[in-house]
C-alpha cells in the first residue's frame, strides 16, 4: 500500500488542537496508508496524545512552530510575520517534498496569499480558486468555484476555473464529460456582467469542455450542472447563505416537540415525516462536506472551515488524500495545456 504523508496546520481555526488533533487520530485509524505531520506547538499537542495507541503514534510526527497566524490578521501582516508560523511551515513541507498536501482551518486570506507565494500557481493559471463539491437533491455532487479566493475575476480567470472544476468533477466526483455552467442573474445570453459574457464566449469554443450556458442561484442544489463557476464574492455569499439556511432548517427539525395531546398515530406520522426530511436534507449539512480545495497551485492545499468540529476536519483530511491519490494536479495541468493553450 502506497504511503501518503499530509501536513496538518493543527493550530489554525477557532478551536485549534482540541479539534484538529482528535480528527488527525480519527483519520489515522480509518486510513492505514496515512502518515501525518502535526504542525504546531508541542505543548498544546502532546497532552492530546497521552492515551493514543503506540502504533498510531509511529505514524505521527510533531513539527514544532513558534507562532500561529490568527483569523484577524491581514494578508500584508501575515506575509511579514509568516516565518515560524504553523501555516507557513505546513506549506513549506509541501514545497520541500516532505508532505504531499496540507490541511488548514486558519485565516483564508492568509492561506491563499501564502500558498500562492510559496507553492506558485500552475502554468497557465492567473489566480488559484477555492472549490467545494456540494451535494444536490439528485444524490450527486456539484463542483462550485470560486468560493472566496478572488473577489474580482475577469473572463479568462472564470474560464480557467471552469477547466479546473471539470477536472475535479471527473477525478474526484467521478462524472464523465461533466456539464459546466456559469452562475448568472438569468439564463439569457444577454444577461450578466462583461466578465461572465467573456467567459461564456471562451467556454463555447473550448475543446473538451461540456459548456451548457448560464444557471441561476436557485438551481444550485438541483443537479442541473456538474460544475458551477462564479467569482469569489458571489460564490462566498452564495455558499454561506445556503449553509445558514440549511443549518437553521435542520435545527428546526431536530428541536421540534410534539404536543402531549396528540394521538399516537398523529405523533408517529409526524415523527416519520421528520425523519424522512432529516434523511433527505441531512446530506446537505455543511459538516459533511467540509474542506474547500485551493486549486491551481503546484501543491494540494485544503482549507477547512474555521469553526469545523472533529468530524468536519476529518472530512477535510480525507479530501486532501483523494486529491493526491487521484493525481488531480497533474490532470489539471494537462487539461489546461489542451483546453486553454493561450492562457500562459
Foldseek 3Di string as FASTA:
>chain_A
DAAAEEEELQQAFDPRVVQQVVLVLVLCVVDVRYAYEYEEACVVNVVVCPPPDVVSVVRYHYDYFDEADAQPDAQVVCVVPVPRHSLLVSLVCCVVVVHQEYEHQHHPQNNQVSQCVRFNFFPLAPGWAWWFWFAALVRATAIEIRAANFQDDAQSNQLLLQLLLVLCCCQPRNDDQFEEEEEFQDQDLPGDDPRRNSNVVLQVPFPSHNYDGYDYLVCNRVPPGRYYTDGNVVNNVSVVVVQVVLVVVLVCLVPDDDDPPDDPVVVVVSVVVSVVVCVSSVSRNCLQGFWIWRPRGNGTYIHGHSHHGNSSSSNNVVVSVSCVVSVSNVVSSVSCCRGPVPSD
